[in-house]
Amino acid sequence: GEVPPAIPYDGGGGNDGDDQVTTLRVKGMDGFRMYIIRLRFDDTVGTLRRYLERACSADEGKKHAGLTFEIRGTYPPRVYDDDQVTLRAAGLVPNAALLLKPVCAA
């Protein structure tokens, strides 16, 4: 399988090396596609969700159109559903493996 390119990190500010950056490997809703996302430790789960919404709408086509998703940790099993919490507070640093689980819109 071909590895897709990483989603570019476009966090503001100068790249002076002071920002701590986490690398998140996220398995897409299709179970095959892998997203590599780099965000600052103090970015939020909501920031991650917006990145993934953009990526999924571009990549996953009609199959998952209109579906929302849960961001899940693989170990320990956990759903990251509080968009206000930082990646640092959620324990998603300095790297993490996650997966997206489709959820039917209510």
C-alpha atoms as a PDB file:
ATOM      1  CA  GLY A   1       0.000   0.000   0.000  1.00  0.00           C
ATOM      2  CA  GLU A   2       0.992   3.493  -0.783  1.00  0.00           C
ATOM      3  CA  VAL A   3       1.494   5.786   2.209  1.00  0.00           C
ATOM      4  CA  PRO A   4      -0.338   9.096   1.733  1.00  0.00           C
ATOM      5  CA  PRO A   5       1.626  12.288   2.345  1.00  0.00           C
ATOM      6  CA  ALA A   6       1.404  13.885   5.749  1.00  0.00           C
ATOM      7  CA  ILE A   7      -1.116  16.657   6.187  1.00  0.00           C
ATOM      8  CA  PRO A   8       1.005  19.808   6.265  1.00  0.00           C
ATOM      9  CA  TYR A   9       1.434  21.404   9.643  1.00  0.00           C
ATOM     10  CA  ASP A  10       0.206  24.971   9.315  1.00  0.00           C
ATOM     11  CA  GLY A  11       0.262  26.116  12.929  1.00  0.00           C
ATOM     12  CA  GLY A  12       0.919  29.825  13.222  1.00  0.00           C
ATOM     13  CA  GLY A  13       4.017  31.496  14.574  1.00  0.00           C
ATOM     14  CA  GLY A  14       7.654  31.185  13.669  1.00  0.00           C
ATOM     15  CA  ASN A  15       9.334  27.813  13.617  1.00  0.00           C
ATOM     16  CA  ASP A  16      11.850  28.531  16.339  1.00  0.00           C
ATOM     17  CA  GLY A  17      11.875  24.989  17.683  1.00  0.00           C
ATOM     18  CA  ASP A  18      10.208  25.923  20.970  1.00  0.00           C
ATOM     19  CA  ASP A  19       6.832  24.426  20.090  1.00  0.00           C
ATOM     20  CA  GLN A  20       6.509  20.811  21.087  1.00  0.00           C
ATOM     21  CA  VAL A  21       4.917  18.888  18.236  1.00  0.00           C
ATOM     22  CA  THR A  22       3.133  15.538  18.448  1.00  0.00           C
ATOM     23  CA  THR A  23       2.816  13.106  15.562  1.00  0.00           C
ATOM     24  CA  LEU A  24      -0.565  11.404  15.334  1.00  0.00           C
ATOM     25  CA  ARG A  25      -1.119   8.353  13.139  1.00  0.00           C
ATOM     26  CA  VAL A  26      -4.839   8.112  12.452  1.00  0.00           C
ATOM     27  CA  LYS A  27      -6.457   5.188  10.657  1.00  0.00           C
ATOM     28  CA  GLY A  28      -9.310   6.367   8.416  1.00  0.00           C
ATOM     29  CA  MET A  29     -12.924   5.229   8.527  1.00  0.00           C
ATOM     30  CA  ASP A  30     -12.269   2.753   5.704  1.00  0.00           C
ATOM     31  CA  GLY A  31      -9.775   0.929   7.923  1.00  0.00           C
ATOM     32  CA  PHE A  32      -7.004   1.255   5.317  1.00  0.00           C
ATOM     33  CA  ARG A  33      -6.163   4.908   4.794  1.00  0.00           C
ATOM     34  CA  MET A  34      -3.647   6.357   7.251  1.00  0.00           C
ATOM     35  CA  TYR A  35      -3.347  10.040   8.083  1.00  0.00           C
ATOM     36  CA  ILE A  36      -0.170  11.414   9.636  1.00  0.00           C
ATOM     37  CA  ILE A  37      -0.929  14.674  11.423  1.00  0.00           C
ATOM     38  CA  ARG A  38       1.519  16.892  13.276  1.00  0.00           C
ATOM     39  CA  LEU A  39       0.084  19.337  15.803  1.00  0.00           C
ATOM     40  CA  ARG A  40       1.375  21.247  18.819  1.00  0.00           C
ATOM     41  CA  PHE A  41       1.013  19.645  22.245  1.00  0.00           C
ATOM     42  CA  ASP A  42      -1.331  22.468  23.252  1.00  0.00           C
ATOM     43  CA  ASP A  43      -3.593  22.263  20.196  1.00  0.00           C
ATOM     44  CA  THR A  44      -6.974  20.770  21.055  1.00  0.00           C
ATOM     45  CA  VAL A  45      -8.865  17.636  20.123  1.00  0.00           C
ATOM     46  CA  GLY A  46     -11.158  20.041  18.236  1.00  0.00           C
ATOM     47  CA  THR A  47      -8.231  21.181  16.073  1.00  0.00           C
ATOM     48  CA  LEU A  48      -7.440  17.533  15.295  1.00  0.00           C
ATOM     49  CA  ARG A  49     -11.112  16.879  14.463  1.00  0.00           C
ATOM     50  CA  ARG A  50     -11.171  19.789  11.968  1.00  0.00           C
ATOM     51  CA  TYR A  51      -8.038  18.476  10.237  1.00  0.00           C
ATOM     52  CA  LEU A  52      -9.602  15.022   9.999  1.00  0.00           C
ATOM     53  CA  GLU A  53     -12.949  16.345   8.747  1.00  0.00           C
ATOM     54  CA  ARG A  54     -11.118  18.123   5.911  1.00  0.00           C
ATOM     55  CA  ALA A  55      -8.998  15.095   5.083  1.00  0.00           C
ATOM     56  CA  CYS A  56     -11.894  12.643   5.176  1.00  0.00           C
ATOM     57  CA  SER A  57     -14.187  14.768   3.029  1.00  0.00           C
ATOM     58  CA  ALA A  58     -11.404  15.043   0.447  1.00  0.00           C
ATOM     59  CA  ASP A  59     -10.324  11.403   0.537  1.00  0.00           C
ATOM     60  CA  GLU A  60     -13.030   9.038   1.586  1.00  0.00           C
ATOM     61  CA  GLY A  61     -15.508  10.063  -1.073  1.00  0.00           C
ATOM     62  CA  LYS A  62     -19.142   9.115  -1.124  1.00  0.00           C
ATOM     63  CA  LYS A  63     -18.849   6.016   1.049  1.00  0.00           C
ATOM     64  CA  HIS A  64     -18.737   7.984   4.300  1.00  0.00           C
ATOM     65  CA  ALA A  65     -20.357  11.222   3.099  1.00  0.00           C
ATOM     66  CA  GLY A  66     -22.544  12.781   5.778  1.00  0.00           C
ATOM     67  CA  LEU A  67     -21.179  10.553   8.516  1.00  0.00           C
ATOM     68  CA  THR A  68     -19.564  11.996  11.562  1.00  0.00           C
ATOM     69  CA  PHE A  69     -16.853  10.063  13.329  1.00  0.00           C
ATOM     70  CA  GLU A  70     -15.454   9.314  16.730  1.00  0.00           C
ATOM     71  CA  ILE A  71     -11.743   9.710  17.350  1.00  0.00           C
ATOM     72  CA  ARG A  72     -10.716   6.600  19.265  1.00  0.00           C
ATOM     73  CA  GLY A  73      -7.549   5.557  20.984  1.00  0.00           C
ATOM     74  CA  THR A  74      -6.475   1.982  20.402  1.00  0.00           C
ATOM     75  CA  TYR A  75      -4.771   1.344  23.734  1.00  0.00           C
ATOM     76  CA  PRO A  76      -6.156   1.979  26.182  1.00  0.00           C
ATOM     77  CA  PRO A  77      -9.524   1.972  24.350  1.00  0.00           C
ATOM     78  CA  ARG A  78     -10.952   5.447  24.666  1.00  0.00           C
ATOM     79  CA  VAL A  79     -13.094   7.955  22.762  1.00  0.00           C
ATOM     80  CA  TYR A  80     -11.710  11.493  22.451  1.00  0.00           C
ATOM     81  CA  ASP A  81     -14.915  13.521  22.339  1.00  0.00           C
ATOM     82  CA  ASP A  82     -14.056  16.669  24.319  1.00  0.00           C
ATOM     83  CA  ASP A  83     -12.961  19.173  21.665  1.00  0.00           C
ATOM     84  CA  GLN A  84     -11.728  21.624  24.336  1.00  0.00           C
ATOM     85  CA  VAL A  85      -9.069  19.357  25.863  1.00  0.00           C
ATOM     86  CA  THR A  86      -5.479  19.790  24.679  1.00  0.00           C
ATOM     87  CA  LEU A  87      -3.601  16.946  23.026  1.00  0.00           C
ATOM     88  CA  ARG A  88      -1.163  17.122  25.957  1.00  0.00           C
ATOM     89  CA  ALA A  89      -3.965  16.734  28.533  1.00  0.00           C
ATOM     90  CA  ALA A  90      -5.497  13.890  26.501  1.00  0.00           C
ATOM     91  CA  GLY A  91      -2.192  12.009  26.616  1.00  0.00           C
ATOM     92  CA  LEU A  92      -1.687  12.185  22.830  1.00  0.00           C
ATOM     93  CA  VAL A  93       1.950  13.312  23.076  1.00  0.00           C
ATOM     94  CA  PRO A  94       4.684  12.937  21.885  1.00  0.00           C
ATOM     95  CA  ASN A  95       2.886  10.603  19.458  1.00  0.00           C
ATOM     96  CA  ALA A  96      -0.205   8.424  19.336  1.00  0.00           C
ATOM     97  CA  ALA A  97      -2.061   5.919  17.196  1.00  0.00           C
ATOM     98  CA  LEU A  98      -5.764   6.629  16.719  1.00  0.00           C
ATOM     99  CA  LEU A  99      -8.595   5.407  14.554  1.00  0.00           C
ATOM    100  CA  LEU A 100     -11.796   6.928  13.197  1.00  0.00           C
ATOM    101  CA  LYS A 101     -15.086   5.133  13.774  1.00  0.00           C
ATOM    102  CA  PRO A 102     -18.012   6.278  11.625  1.00  0.00           C
ATOM    103  CA  VAL A 103     -21.095   7.374  13.537  1.00  0.00           C
ATOM    104  CA  CYS A 104     -24.476   7.789  11.846  1.00  0.00           C
ATOM    105  CA  ALA A 105     -25.758  11.336  12.168  1.00  0.00           C
ATOM    106  CA  ALA A 106     -28.706  11.567  14.549  1.00  0.00           C
END
